[in-house]
Amino acid sequence: MKKVLFATSALVMTAGVAAAEVAVSGDGRMGMVYDGNDVQFSSRARVKFTLTGESDAGLSFGAAFRVDQENYNANAYRSAARGTAGAVWISGTYGKLSMGDVVSASEAAIGDLYEIGYTEGTFAGDVEEISYLTGDGENLDQGPNILYEYTVNNISFYASASDGQDTSWFTTPGADVDDALNASSDDVAYSLAAKYDGGNFWAALGYAKHGDASELSLGAEAQFNQFSVKGIYVDYSDRFNGAAEWEYTAGLAAAYQADALTVKGFWRQDKYDLGAGAGNEKYDSFGIGADYDLGGGAVLAGGIIDTDYLDDTVADLGVKFKF
């Protein structure tokens, strides 16, 4: 991948700072999406800024955000300027601390199922993404989230949290807007996780809580030559989607890579308790796709997903780029 640098090395003439660098990269895509009824053209281009530096004492720091995330006039909860898009971090001997629109500890340790298609799952509502209780777009009405990561030998530890405050510091001092926002966000949302990396496999355990809702997540992945397989299970308690109580999410993904070709697939199931004696309901999602690396940051990709959430089969095909 070729990156364009506005400044490959900009020396900052302030005490305690050795050097800083600002890099500009981007991505784009163009192709077609079948939404179950019609075929539509689909394209996108984005620019990303990555800022890095290191102090004289060897302390690393940085930040990253996309241009499209700086839109606070349209959405106060998705702005790099207000800490709810992109992220800022600092790292050293005692781990890495990030703040902004960061993932939860559970997601940092476990992640999601494999993305497929040239829109990387977006064409089907991103059903390959696990809906963790906190982080990665959740709790943004509380402002920036925080994530801490520390690795010793083969074991990594993670901790994340929100601040539990609806009232942002840039609003009128003392103002209480809790009633105007989501009442459940008055509670601190937090997550803890641990991960063991054995080289060609890893296993992780995570826990999260927000108000009365909680989750326990398990994940593991293994690689065997050109094959890889990943499994995720998340058990929810007192987490509601409307009137239905979300009980669990289970998923399995597999991939095979041969030179420039990668074939991927996944299965996911979500179970809900409909309440009031209405019984349970399960939603299944299946997907399969392939990527062909054209070189130079260009990839030809396509995928097909059938999901009960859409009650339909959808597909996409196109080319995605990295700059």
C-alpha atoms as a PDB file:
ATOM      1  CA  MET A   1       0.000   0.000   0.000  1.00  0.00           C
ATOM      2  CA  LYS A   2       1.399   3.365  -1.019  1.00  0.00           C
ATOM      3  CA  LYS A   3       0.851   6.247   1.369  1.00  0.00           C
ATOM      4  CA  VAL A   4       1.091   9.923   0.519  1.00  0.00           C
ATOM      5  CA  LEU A   5       2.749  12.029   3.192  1.00  0.00           C
ATOM      6  CA  PHE A   6       2.106  15.721   3.624  1.00  0.00           C
ATOM      7  CA  ALA A   7       5.130  15.829   5.895  1.00  0.00           C
ATOM      8  CA  THR A   8       7.409  12.837   6.213  1.00  0.00           C
ATOM      9  CA  SER A   9       9.155  14.295   9.225  1.00  0.00           C
ATOM     10  CA  ALA A  10       8.243  17.602  10.818  1.00  0.00           C
ATOM     11  CA  LEU A  11      10.456  18.623  13.735  1.00  0.00           C
ATOM     12  CA  VAL A  12       8.516  20.271  16.532  1.00  0.00           C
ATOM     13  CA  MET A  13      10.619  22.877  18.369  1.00  0.00           C
ATOM     14  CA  THR A  14       9.135  22.471  21.828  1.00  0.00           C
ATOM     15  CA  ALA A  15      10.683  21.013  24.948  1.00  0.00           C
ATOM     16  CA  GLY A  16      10.128  17.315  25.536  1.00  0.00           C
ATOM     17  CA  VAL A  17       9.154  16.486  21.961  1.00  0.00           C
ATOM     18  CA  ALA A  18      11.591  14.753  19.635  1.00  0.00           C
ATOM     19  CA  ALA A  19       9.729  14.598  16.314  1.00  0.00           C
ATOM     20  CA  ALA A  20       6.245  14.408  14.832  1.00  0.00           C
ATOM     21  CA  GLU A  21       4.825  13.090  11.586  1.00  0.00           C
ATOM     22  CA  VAL A  22       1.558  13.673   9.765  1.00  0.00           C
ATOM     23  CA  ALA A  23       0.556  11.049   7.194  1.00  0.00           C
ATOM     24  CA  VAL A  24      -2.345  11.223   4.776  1.00  0.00           C
ATOM     25  CA  SER A  25      -3.863   8.007   3.450  1.00  0.00           C
ATOM     26  CA  GLY A  26      -7.223   7.025   2.062  1.00  0.00           C
ATOM     27  CA  ASP A  27      -9.515   4.423   0.647  1.00  0.00           C
ATOM     28  CA  GLY A  28     -12.102   4.196  -2.093  1.00  0.00           C
ATOM     29  CA  ARG A  29     -14.408   1.754  -3.747  1.00  0.00           C
ATOM     30  CA  MET A  30     -16.656   1.429  -6.793  1.00  0.00           C
ATOM     31  CA  GLY A  31     -19.018  -1.303  -7.870  1.00  0.00           C
ATOM     32  CA  MET A  32     -22.570  -2.587  -7.704  1.00  0.00           C
ATOM     33  CA  VAL A  33     -24.901  -3.702  -4.923  1.00  0.00           C
ATOM     34  CA  TYR A  34     -27.917  -5.967  -5.299  1.00  0.00           C
ATOM     35  CA  ASP A  35     -30.356  -5.093  -2.479  1.00  0.00           C
ATOM     36  CA  GLY A  36     -32.697  -8.036  -3.047  1.00  0.00           C
ATOM     37  CA  ASN A  37     -34.787  -6.179  -5.602  1.00  0.00           C
ATOM     38  CA  ASP A  38     -32.583  -3.928  -7.716  1.00  0.00           C
ATOM     39  CA  VAL A  39     -28.961  -3.527  -8.774  1.00  0.00           C
ATOM     40  CA  GLN A  40     -27.522  -0.124  -7.866  1.00  0.00           C
ATOM     41  CA  PHE A  41     -24.189   1.594  -8.444  1.00  0.00           C
ATOM     42  CA  SER A  42     -22.178   2.273  -5.282  1.00  0.00           C
ATOM     43  CA  SER A  43     -18.979   4.277  -4.761  1.00  0.00           C
ATOM     44  CA  ARG A  44     -17.128   6.044  -1.966  1.00  0.00           C
ATOM     45  CA  ALA A  45     -13.861   7.903  -1.323  1.00  0.00           C
ATOM     46  CA  ARG A  46     -12.377   8.850   2.068  1.00  0.00           C
ATOM     47  CA  VAL A  47      -9.223  10.561   3.327  1.00  0.00           C
ATOM     48  CA  LYS A  48      -7.586   9.694   6.658  1.00  0.00           C
ATOM     49  CA  PHE A  49      -5.106  11.706   8.703  1.00  0.00           C
ATOM     50  CA  THR A  50      -2.706   9.837  11.006  1.00  0.00           C
ATOM     51  CA  LEU A  51      -0.569  11.917  13.369  1.00  0.00           C
ATOM     52  CA  THR A  52       2.312  10.320  15.275  1.00  0.00           C
ATOM     53  CA  GLY A  53       5.143  11.507  17.467  1.00  0.00           C
ATOM     54  CA  GLU A  54       7.643  10.460  20.092  1.00  0.00           C
ATOM     55  CA  SER A  55       9.013  12.342  23.071  1.00  0.00           C
ATOM     56  CA  ASP A  56      12.695  12.539  24.024  1.00  0.00           C
ATOM     57  CA  ALA A  57      11.959   9.955  26.733  1.00  0.00           C
ATOM     58  CA  GLY A  58      10.626   7.465  24.154  1.00  0.00           C
ATOM     59  CA  LEU A  59       6.931   7.990  24.862  1.00  0.00           C
ATOM     60  CA  SER A  60       4.897   7.439  21.683  1.00  0.00           C
ATOM     61  CA  PHE A  61       1.691   9.319  20.945  1.00  0.00           C
ATOM     62  CA  GLY A  62      -0.670   9.806  18.039  1.00  0.00           C
ATOM     63  CA  ALA A  63      -4.135  10.437  16.678  1.00  0.00           C
ATOM     64  CA  ALA A  64      -6.166   9.376  13.651  1.00  0.00           C
ATOM     65  CA  PHE A  65      -9.437  10.478  12.080  1.00  0.00           C
ATOM     66  CA  ARG A  66     -11.138  10.582   8.687  1.00  0.00           C
ATOM     67  CA  VAL A  67     -12.296  13.755   6.960  1.00  0.00           C
ATOM     68  CA  ASP A  68     -15.912  12.537   6.946  1.00  0.00           C
ATOM     69  CA  GLN A  69     -15.789  12.235  10.749  1.00  0.00           C
ATOM     70  CA  GLU A  70     -15.381  15.985  11.186  1.00  0.00           C
ATOM     71  CA  ASN A  71     -19.066  16.816  10.777  1.00  0.00           C
ATOM     72  CA  TYR A  72     -20.118  18.033  14.216  1.00  0.00           C
ATOM     73  CA  ASN A  73     -22.446  20.647  12.718  1.00  0.00           C
ATOM     74  CA  ALA A  74     -24.575  17.764  11.413  1.00  0.00           C
ATOM     75  CA  ASN A  75     -24.086  15.333  14.309  1.00  0.00           C
ATOM     76  CA  ALA A  76     -22.604  16.385  17.621  1.00  0.00           C
ATOM     77  CA  TYR A  77     -22.029  12.733  18.571  1.00  0.00           C
ATOM     78  CA  ARG A  78     -19.754  11.934  15.596  1.00  0.00           C
ATOM     79  CA  SER A  79     -17.001  14.528  15.593  1.00  0.00           C
ATOM     80  CA  ALA A  80     -13.224  14.209  15.839  1.00  0.00           C
ATOM     81  CA  ALA A  81     -13.104  17.713  17.301  1.00  0.00           C
ATOM     82  CA  ARG A  82     -15.317  16.621  20.194  1.00  0.00           C
ATOM     83  CA  GLY A  83     -13.668  13.238  20.692  1.00  0.00           C
ATOM     84  CA  THR A  84     -16.526  11.072  19.450  1.00  0.00           C
ATOM     85  CA  ALA A  85     -14.915  10.144  16.119  1.00  0.00           C
ATOM     86  CA  GLY A  86     -11.366   9.049  15.481  1.00  0.00           C
ATOM     87  CA  ALA A  87      -9.027   8.438  18.404  1.00  0.00           C
ATOM     88  CA  VAL A  88      -6.034   9.853  20.273  1.00  0.00           C
ATOM     89  CA  TRP A  89      -3.499   7.611  22.006  1.00  0.00           C
ATOM     90  CA  ILE A  90      -0.320   7.515  24.059  1.00  0.00           C
ATOM     91  CA  SER A  91       1.836   4.430  24.618  1.00  0.00           C
ATOM     92  CA  GLY A  92       4.978   3.369  26.423  1.00  0.00           C
ATOM     93  CA  THR A  93       6.398   0.730  28.732  1.00  0.00           C
ATOM     94  CA  TYR A  94       3.174   0.414  30.674  1.00  0.00           C
ATOM     95  CA  GLY A  95       0.830  -0.106  27.751  1.00  0.00           C
ATOM     96  CA  LYS A  96      -1.317   1.982  25.423  1.00  0.00           C
ATOM     97  CA  LEU A  97      -4.080   4.384  26.410  1.00  0.00           C
ATOM     98  CA  SER A  98      -6.569   5.517  23.742  1.00  0.00           C
ATOM     99  CA  MET A  99      -9.479   7.941  23.921  1.00  0.00           C
ATOM    100  CA  GLY A 100     -12.232   8.774  21.424  1.00  0.00           C
ATOM    101  CA  ASP A 101     -14.531   6.529  19.391  1.00  0.00           C
ATOM    102  CA  VAL A 102     -12.603   3.442  20.479  1.00  0.00           C
ATOM    103  CA  VAL A 103     -13.731  -0.175  20.676  1.00  0.00           C
ATOM    104  CA  SER A 104     -14.535  -1.829  23.984  1.00  0.00           C
ATOM    105  CA  ALA A 105     -12.111  -4.073  25.834  1.00  0.00           C
ATOM    106  CA  SER A 106     -14.110  -7.112  24.683  1.00  0.00           C
ATOM    107  CA  GLU A 107     -13.995  -6.072  21.041  1.00  0.00           C
ATOM    108  CA  ALA A 108     -10.305  -5.170  21.239  1.00  0.00           C
ATOM    109  CA  ALA A 109      -9.589  -8.706  22.442  1.00  0.00           C
ATOM    110  CA  ILE A 110     -12.041 -10.649  20.251  1.00  0.00           C
ATOM    111  CA  GLY A 111     -13.098  -8.518  17.289  1.00  0.00           C
ATOM    112  CA  ASP A 112     -15.766  -9.450  14.733  1.00  0.00           C
ATOM    113  CA  LEU A 113     -16.409 -12.162  12.154  1.00  0.00           C
ATOM    114  CA  TYR A 114     -14.643 -11.922   8.774  1.00  0.00           C
ATOM    115  CA  GLU A 115     -15.841  -9.114   6.499  1.00  0.00           C
ATOM    116  CA  ILE A 116     -16.891 -10.055   2.988  1.00  0.00           C
ATOM    117  CA  GLY A 117     -17.707  -8.157  -0.191  1.00  0.00           C
ATOM    118  CA  TYR A 118     -16.265  -5.008  -1.656  1.00  0.00           C
ATOM    119  CA  THR A 119     -18.351  -2.964   0.818  1.00  0.00           C
ATOM    120  CA  GLU A 120     -16.979  -5.213   3.599  1.00  0.00           C
ATOM    121  CA  GLY A 121     -20.425  -6.241   4.818  1.00  0.00           C
ATOM    122  CA  THR A 122     -22.104  -2.843   4.650  1.00  0.00           C
ATOM    123  CA  PHE A 123     -24.402  -4.020   1.852  1.00  0.00           C
ATOM    124  CA  ALA A 124     -26.108  -6.361   4.355  1.00  0.00           C
ATOM    125  CA  GLY A 125     -26.131  -4.093   7.401  1.00  0.00           C
ATOM    126  CA  ASP A 126     -22.748  -5.303   8.709  1.00  0.00           C
ATOM    127  CA  VAL A 127     -24.171  -8.511  10.186  1.00  0.00           C
ATOM    128  CA  GLU A 128     -20.599  -9.807  10.496  1.00  0.00           C
ATOM    129  CA  GLU A 129     -20.002  -7.194  13.199  1.00  0.00           C
ATOM    130  CA  ILE A 130     -20.749  -8.342  16.744  1.00  0.00           C
ATOM    131  CA  SER A 131     -22.954  -5.902  18.666  1.00  0.00           C
ATOM    132  CA  TYR A 132     -20.867  -5.418  21.788  1.00  0.00           C
ATOM    133  CA  LEU A 133     -22.566  -3.632  24.654  1.00  0.00           C
ATOM    134  CA  THR A 134     -20.181  -0.703  24.782  1.00  0.00           C
ATOM    135  CA  GLY A 135     -17.569   1.036  22.625  1.00  0.00           C
ATOM    136  CA  ASP A 136     -17.161   1.368  18.841  1.00  0.00           C
ATOM    137  CA  GLY A 137     -20.018   3.828  18.354  1.00  0.00           C
ATOM    138  CA  GLU A 138     -21.924   2.999  21.557  1.00  0.00           C
ATOM    139  CA  ASN A 139     -22.269   5.476  24.455  1.00  0.00           C
ATOM    140  CA  LEU A 140     -21.261   8.433  22.262  1.00  0.00           C
ATOM    141  CA  ASP A 141     -23.846  10.583  24.023  1.00  0.00           C
ATOM    142  CA  GLN A 142     -21.409  10.451  26.951  1.00  0.00           C
ATOM    143  CA  GLY A 143     -18.568  11.794  24.845  1.00  0.00           C
ATOM    144  CA  PRO A 144     -15.233  10.033  24.268  1.00  0.00           C
ATOM    145  CA  ASN A 145     -14.688   6.477  25.512  1.00  0.00           C
ATOM    146  CA  ILE A 146     -11.362   5.280  26.904  1.00  0.00           C
ATOM    147  CA  LEU A 147      -9.424   2.051  26.207  1.00  0.00           C
ATOM    148  CA  TYR A 148      -6.293   0.696  27.941  1.00  0.00           C
ATOM    149  CA  GLU A 149      -4.198  -2.173  26.518  1.00  0.00           C
ATOM    150  CA  TYR A 150      -1.215  -3.928  28.099  1.00  0.00           C
ATOM    151  CA  THR A 151       0.683  -7.019  26.923  1.00  0.00           C
ATOM    152  CA  VAL A 152       3.131  -9.129  28.904  1.00  0.00           C
ATOM    153  CA  ASN A 153       4.620 -12.184  27.225  1.00  0.00           C
ATOM    154  CA  ASN A 154       1.696 -13.990  25.518  1.00  0.00           C
ATOM    155  CA  ILE A 155      -1.108 -12.417  27.551  1.00  0.00           C
ATOM    156  CA  SER A 156      -2.861  -9.120  26.804  1.00  0.00           C
ATOM    157  CA  PHE A 157      -5.171  -7.238  29.170  1.00  0.00           C
ATOM    158  CA  TYR A 158      -7.790  -4.685  28.168  1.00  0.00           C
ATOM    159  CA  ALA A 159     -10.030  -2.233  30.029  1.00  0.00           C
ATOM    160  CA  SER A 160     -12.458   0.332  28.620  1.00  0.00           C
ATOM    161  CA  ALA A 161     -15.107   2.719  29.960  1.00  0.00           C
ATOM    162  CA  SER A 162     -17.310   5.713  29.325  1.00  0.00           C
ATOM    163  CA  ASP A 163     -17.590   8.537  31.868  1.00  0.00           C
ATOM    164  CA  GLY A 164     -21.290   8.083  32.668  1.00  0.00           C
ATOM    165  CA  GLN A 165     -22.092  11.736  32.021  1.00  0.00           C
ATOM    166  CA  ASP A 166     -24.628  12.886  29.456  1.00  0.00           C
ATOM    167  CA  THR A 167     -23.771  16.528  30.078  1.00  0.00           C
ATOM    168  CA  SER A 168     -20.746  17.424  27.970  1.00  0.00           C
ATOM    169  CA  TRP A 169     -18.160  19.815  29.356  1.00  0.00           C
ATOM    170  CA  PHE A 170     -18.633  22.211  26.434  1.00  0.00           C
ATOM    171  CA  THR A 171     -22.318  22.774  27.287  1.00  0.00           C
ATOM    172  CA  THR A 172     -23.608  25.305  29.821  1.00  0.00           C
ATOM    173  CA  PRO A 173     -21.871  24.595  33.166  1.00  0.00           C
ATOM    174  CA  GLY A 174     -24.224  22.816  35.529  1.00  0.00           C
ATOM    175  CA  ALA A 175     -26.789  22.071  32.802  1.00  0.00           C
ATOM    176  CA  ASP A 176     -28.579  18.739  33.166  1.00  0.00           C
ATOM    177  CA  VAL A 177     -29.736  17.373  29.834  1.00  0.00           C
ATOM    178  CA  ASP A 178     -30.127  13.760  30.961  1.00  0.00           C
ATOM    179  CA  ASP A 179     -33.871  13.781  30.404  1.00  0.00           C
ATOM    180  CA  ALA A 180     -33.393  15.018  26.846  1.00  0.00           C
ATOM    181  CA  LEU A 181     -30.998  12.209  26.015  1.00  0.00           C
ATOM    182  CA  ASN A 182     -30.887   8.465  26.657  1.00  0.00           C
ATOM    183  CA  ALA A 183     -31.558   7.886  30.350  1.00  0.00           C
ATOM    184  CA  SER A 184     -29.691   4.555  30.334  1.00  0.00           C
ATOM    185  CA  SER A 185     -26.483   6.386  29.454  1.00  0.00           C
ATOM    186  CA  ASP A 186     -26.393   7.956  32.937  1.00  0.00           C
ATOM    187  CA  ASP A 187     -24.506   4.826  34.027  1.00  0.00           C
ATOM    188  CA  VAL A 188     -20.832   4.214  33.340  1.00  0.00           C
ATOM    189  CA  ALA A 189     -20.393   1.609  30.603  1.00  0.00           C
ATOM    190  CA  TYR A 190     -17.267  -0.508  31.108  1.00  0.00           C
ATOM    191  CA  SER A 191     -15.595  -3.631  29.772  1.00  0.00           C
ATOM    192  CA  LEU A 192     -12.713  -5.892  30.836  1.00  0.00           C
ATOM    193  CA  ALA A 193     -10.979  -8.562  28.755  1.00  0.00           C
ATOM    194  CA  ALA A 194      -7.955 -10.849  28.592  1.00  0.00           C
ATOM    195  CA  LYS A 195      -6.382 -12.650  25.637  1.00  0.00           C
ATOM    196  CA  TYR A 196      -3.832 -15.425  25.277  1.00  0.00           C
ATOM    197  CA  ASP A 197      -1.844 -15.549  22.022  1.00  0.00           C
ATOM    198  CA  GLY A 198      -0.253 -18.897  21.230  1.00  0.00           C
ATOM    199  CA  GLY A 199       1.239 -17.945  17.871  1.00  0.00           C
ATOM    200  CA  ASN A 200      -0.995 -19.771  15.407  1.00  0.00           C
ATOM    201  CA  PHE A 201      -4.018 -19.464  17.710  1.00  0.00           C
ATOM    202  CA  TRP A 202      -5.487 -17.175  20.334  1.00  0.00           C
ATOM    203  CA  ALA A 203      -8.347 -17.300  22.850  1.00  0.00           C
ATOM    204  CA  ALA A 204     -10.001 -14.416  24.697  1.00  0.00           C
ATOM    205  CA  LEU A 205     -12.599 -13.699  27.375  1.00  0.00           C
ATOM    206  CA  GLY A 206     -14.451 -10.421  27.863  1.00  0.00           C
ATOM    207  CA  TYR A 207     -17.056  -8.885  30.168  1.00  0.00           C
ATOM    208  CA  ALA A 208     -19.050  -5.665  29.856  1.00  0.00           C
ATOM    209  CA  LYS A 209     -21.755  -3.870  31.828  1.00  0.00           C
ATOM    210  CA  HIS A 210     -23.936  -0.828  31.240  1.00  0.00           C
ATOM    211  CA  GLY A 211     -26.710  -0.153  33.716  1.00  0.00           C
ATOM    212  CA  ASP A 212     -28.686  -3.374  34.194  1.00  0.00           C
ATOM    213  CA  ALA A 213     -27.384  -4.862  30.954  1.00  0.00           C
ATOM    214  CA  SER A 214     -24.283  -7.072  30.867  1.00  0.00           C
ATOM    215  CA  GLU A 215     -22.476  -9.380  28.462  1.00  0.00           C
ATOM    216  CA  LEU A 216     -19.983 -12.238  28.680  1.00  0.00           C
ATOM    217  CA  SER A 217     -18.020 -12.840  25.478  1.00  0.00           C
ATOM    218  CA  LEU A 218     -15.762 -15.665  24.338  1.00  0.00           C
ATOM    219  CA  GLY A 219     -13.666 -15.796  21.195  1.00  0.00           C
ATOM    220  CA  ALA A 220     -10.936 -17.873  19.597  1.00  0.00           C
ATOM    221  CA  GLU A 221      -9.125 -18.069  16.268  1.00  0.00           C
ATOM    222  CA  ALA A 222      -6.676 -20.558  14.766  1.00  0.00           C
ATOM    223  CA  GLN A 223      -4.583 -20.646  11.596  1.00  0.00           C
ATOM    224  CA  PHE A 224      -3.454 -23.799   9.795  1.00  0.00           C
ATOM    225  CA  ASN A 225      -1.240 -23.016   6.818  1.00  0.00           C
ATOM    226  CA  GLN A 226      -3.631 -21.294   4.371  1.00  0.00           C
ATOM    227  CA  PHE A 227      -6.771 -21.872   6.453  1.00  0.00           C
ATOM    228  CA  SER A 228      -8.095 -19.819   9.349  1.00  0.00           C
ATOM    229  CA  VAL A 229     -11.194 -20.274  11.487  1.00  0.00           C
ATOM    230  CA  LYS A 230     -12.738 -18.020  14.137  1.00  0.00           C
ATOM    231  CA  GLY A 231     -15.555 -18.504  16.630  1.00  0.00           C
ATOM    232  CA  ILE A 232     -17.384 -15.963  18.824  1.00  0.00           C
ATOM    233  CA  TYR A 233     -20.091 -16.378  21.469  1.00  0.00           C
ATOM    234  CA  VAL A 234     -21.639 -13.480  23.406  1.00  0.00           C
ATOM    235  CA  ASP A 235     -24.169 -14.072  26.191  1.00  0.00           C
ATOM    236  CA  TYR A 236     -26.337 -11.051  27.094  1.00  0.00           C
ATOM    237  CA  SER A 237     -28.303 -10.361  30.260  1.00  0.00           C
ATOM    238  CA  ASP A 238     -31.025  -7.714  30.576  1.00  0.00           C
ATOM    239  CA  ARG A 239     -30.183  -6.254  27.164  1.00  0.00           C
ATOM    240  CA  PHE A 240     -33.269  -5.261  25.223  1.00  0.00           C
ATOM    241  CA  ASN A 241     -33.928  -4.556  21.568  1.00  0.00           C
ATOM    242  CA  GLY A 242     -37.298  -2.870  21.823  1.00  0.00           C
ATOM    243  CA  ALA A 243     -39.570  -5.188  23.816  1.00  0.00           C
ATOM    244  CA  ALA A 244     -37.438  -8.249  23.000  1.00  0.00           C
ATOM    245  CA  GLU A 245     -34.605  -9.332  25.302  1.00  0.00           C
ATOM    246  CA  TRP A 246     -31.406 -10.185  23.453  1.00  0.00           C
ATOM    247  CA  GLU A 247     -30.173 -13.529  24.798  1.00  0.00           C
ATOM    248  CA  TYR A 248     -27.061 -14.386  22.780  1.00  0.00           C
ATOM    249  CA  THR A 249     -25.049 -14.007  19.585  1.00  0.00           C
ATOM    250  CA  ALA A 250     -23.047 -16.926  18.189  1.00  0.00           C
ATOM    251  CA  GLY A 251     -20.872 -16.870  15.095  1.00  0.00           C
ATOM    252  CA  LEU A 252     -18.340 -18.897  13.136  1.00  0.00           C
ATOM    253  CA  ALA A 253     -16.111 -17.704  10.277  1.00  0.00           C
ATOM    254  CA  ALA A 254     -13.561 -19.395   8.019  1.00  0.00           C
ATOM    255  CA  ALA A 255     -11.127 -18.258   5.334  1.00  0.00           C
ATOM    256  CA  TYR A 256      -8.800 -19.829   2.777  1.00  0.00           C
ATOM    257  CA  GLN A 257      -5.981 -17.932   1.088  1.00  0.00           C
ATOM    258  CA  ALA A 258      -4.125 -19.079  -2.031  1.00  0.00           C
ATOM    259  CA  ASP A 259      -1.681 -16.536  -3.397  1.00  0.00           C
ATOM    260  CA  ALA A 260      -3.746 -13.470  -4.439  1.00  0.00           C
ATOM    261  CA  LEU A 261      -7.142 -15.135  -3.832  1.00  0.00           C
ATOM    262  CA  THR A 262      -8.900 -15.228  -0.467  1.00  0.00           C
ATOM    263  CA  VAL A 263     -12.257 -16.971   0.051  1.00  0.00           C
ATOM    264  CA  LYS A 264     -14.198 -16.163   3.239  1.00  0.00           C
ATOM    265  CA  GLY A 265     -17.484 -17.131   4.814  1.00  0.00           C
ATOM    266  CA  PHE A 266     -19.406 -16.763   8.075  1.00  0.00           C
ATOM    267  CA  TRP A 267     -22.511 -17.879   9.969  1.00  0.00           C
ATOM    268  CA  ARG A 268     -24.185 -15.918  12.753  1.00  0.00           C
ATOM    269  CA  GLN A 269     -27.210 -16.545  14.956  1.00  0.00           C
ATOM    270  CA  ASP A 270     -28.968 -14.141  17.347  1.00  0.00           C
ATOM    271  CA  LYS A 271     -31.623 -15.311  19.801  1.00  0.00           C
ATOM    272  CA  TYR A 272     -34.294 -13.091  21.369  1.00  0.00           C
ATOM    273  CA  ASP A 273     -36.854 -13.653  24.111  1.00  0.00           C
ATOM    274  CA  LEU A 274     -39.955 -11.878  22.773  1.00  0.00           C
ATOM    275  CA  GLY A 275     -41.487 -11.616  26.256  1.00  0.00           C
ATOM    276  CA  ALA A 276     -45.116 -11.745  27.425  1.00  0.00           C
ATOM    277  CA  GLY A 277     -45.307 -15.466  26.676  1.00  0.00           C
ATOM    278  CA  ALA A 278     -44.506 -14.900  22.980  1.00  0.00           C
ATOM    279  CA  GLY A 279     -41.603 -17.359  23.055  1.00  0.00           C
ATOM    280  CA  ASN A 280     -38.182 -17.088  21.441  1.00  0.00           C
ATOM    281  CA  GLU A 281     -37.027 -16.128  17.973  1.00  0.00           C
ATOM    282  CA  LYS A 282     -33.730 -16.819  16.229  1.00  0.00           C
ATOM    283  CA  TYR A 283     -32.192 -14.802  13.400  1.00  0.00           C
ATOM    284  CA  ASP A 284     -29.634 -16.533  11.180  1.00  0.00           C
ATOM    285  CA  SER A 285     -27.189 -14.871   8.786  1.00  0.00           C
ATOM    286  CA  PHE A 286     -24.905 -16.569   6.239  1.00  0.00           C
ATOM    287  CA  GLY A 287     -22.296 -15.006   4.006  1.00  0.00           C
ATOM    288  CA  ILE A 288     -19.647 -16.034   1.493  1.00  0.00           C
ATOM    289  CA  GLY A 289     -17.278 -13.903  -0.527  1.00  0.00           C
ATOM    290  CA  ALA A 290     -13.915 -13.674  -2.231  1.00  0.00           C
ATOM    291  CA  ASP A 291     -11.119 -11.097  -2.590  1.00  0.00           C
ATOM    292  CA  TYR A 292      -8.572 -11.048  -5.411  1.00  0.00           C
ATOM    293  CA  ASP A 293      -5.529  -8.847  -4.822  1.00  0.00           C
ATOM    294  CA  LEU A 294      -4.738  -6.898  -7.995  1.00  0.00           C
ATOM    295  CA  GLY A 295      -1.622  -5.373  -6.450  1.00  0.00           C
ATOM    296  CA  GLY A 296      -0.761  -1.777  -5.667  1.00  0.00           C
ATOM    297  CA  GLY A 297      -3.576  -1.447  -3.129  1.00  0.00           C
ATOM    298  CA  ALA A 298      -6.415  -2.537  -5.460  1.00  0.00           C
ATOM    299  CA  VAL A 299      -8.624  -5.530  -4.614  1.00  0.00           C
ATOM    300  CA  LEU A 300     -11.449  -7.060  -6.643  1.00  0.00           C
ATOM    301  CA  ALA A 301     -14.069  -8.289  -4.178  1.00  0.00           C
ATOM    302  CA  GLY A 302     -17.610  -9.603  -4.018  1.00  0.00           C
ATOM    303  CA  GLY A 303     -19.940 -11.310  -1.604  1.00  0.00           C
ATOM    304  CA  ILE A 304     -23.391 -12.799  -1.033  1.00  0.00           C
ATOM    305  CA  ILE A 305     -25.226 -12.601   2.293  1.00  0.00           C
ATOM    306  CA  ASP A 306     -28.553 -14.106   3.304  1.00  0.00           C
ATOM    307  CA  THR A 307     -29.873 -12.755   6.602  1.00  0.00           C
ATOM    308  CA  ASP A 308     -33.145 -13.008   8.489  1.00  0.00           C
ATOM    309  CA  TYR A 309     -32.693  -9.382   9.531  1.00  0.00           C
ATOM    310  CA  LEU A 310     -33.342  -8.305   5.933  1.00  0.00           C
ATOM    311  CA  ASP A 311     -35.472 -11.351   5.107  1.00  0.00           C
ATOM    312  CA  ASP A 312     -33.644 -11.388   1.788  1.00  0.00           C
ATOM    313  CA  THR A 313     -30.454 -12.316  -0.059  1.00  0.00           C
ATOM    314  CA  VAL A 314     -28.175  -9.444  -1.072  1.00  0.00           C
ATOM    315  CA  ALA A 315     -24.872  -9.241  -2.953  1.00  0.00           C
ATOM    316  CA  ASP A 316     -22.152  -6.838  -4.039  1.00  0.00           C
ATOM    317  CA  LEU A 317     -19.258  -6.778  -6.513  1.00  0.00           C
ATOM    318  CA  GLY A 318     -16.623  -4.152  -7.131  1.00  0.00           C
ATOM    319  CA  VAL A 319     -13.102  -2.900  -6.623  1.00  0.00           C
ATOM    320  CA  LYS A 320     -11.761  -1.369  -3.412  1.00  0.00           C
ATOM    321  CA  PHE A 321      -8.608   0.728  -3.134  1.00  0.00           C
ATOM    322  CA  LYS A 322      -6.063   1.716  -0.495  1.00  0.00           C
ATOM    323  CA  PHE A 323      -4.009   4.880  -1.010  1.00  0.00           C
END
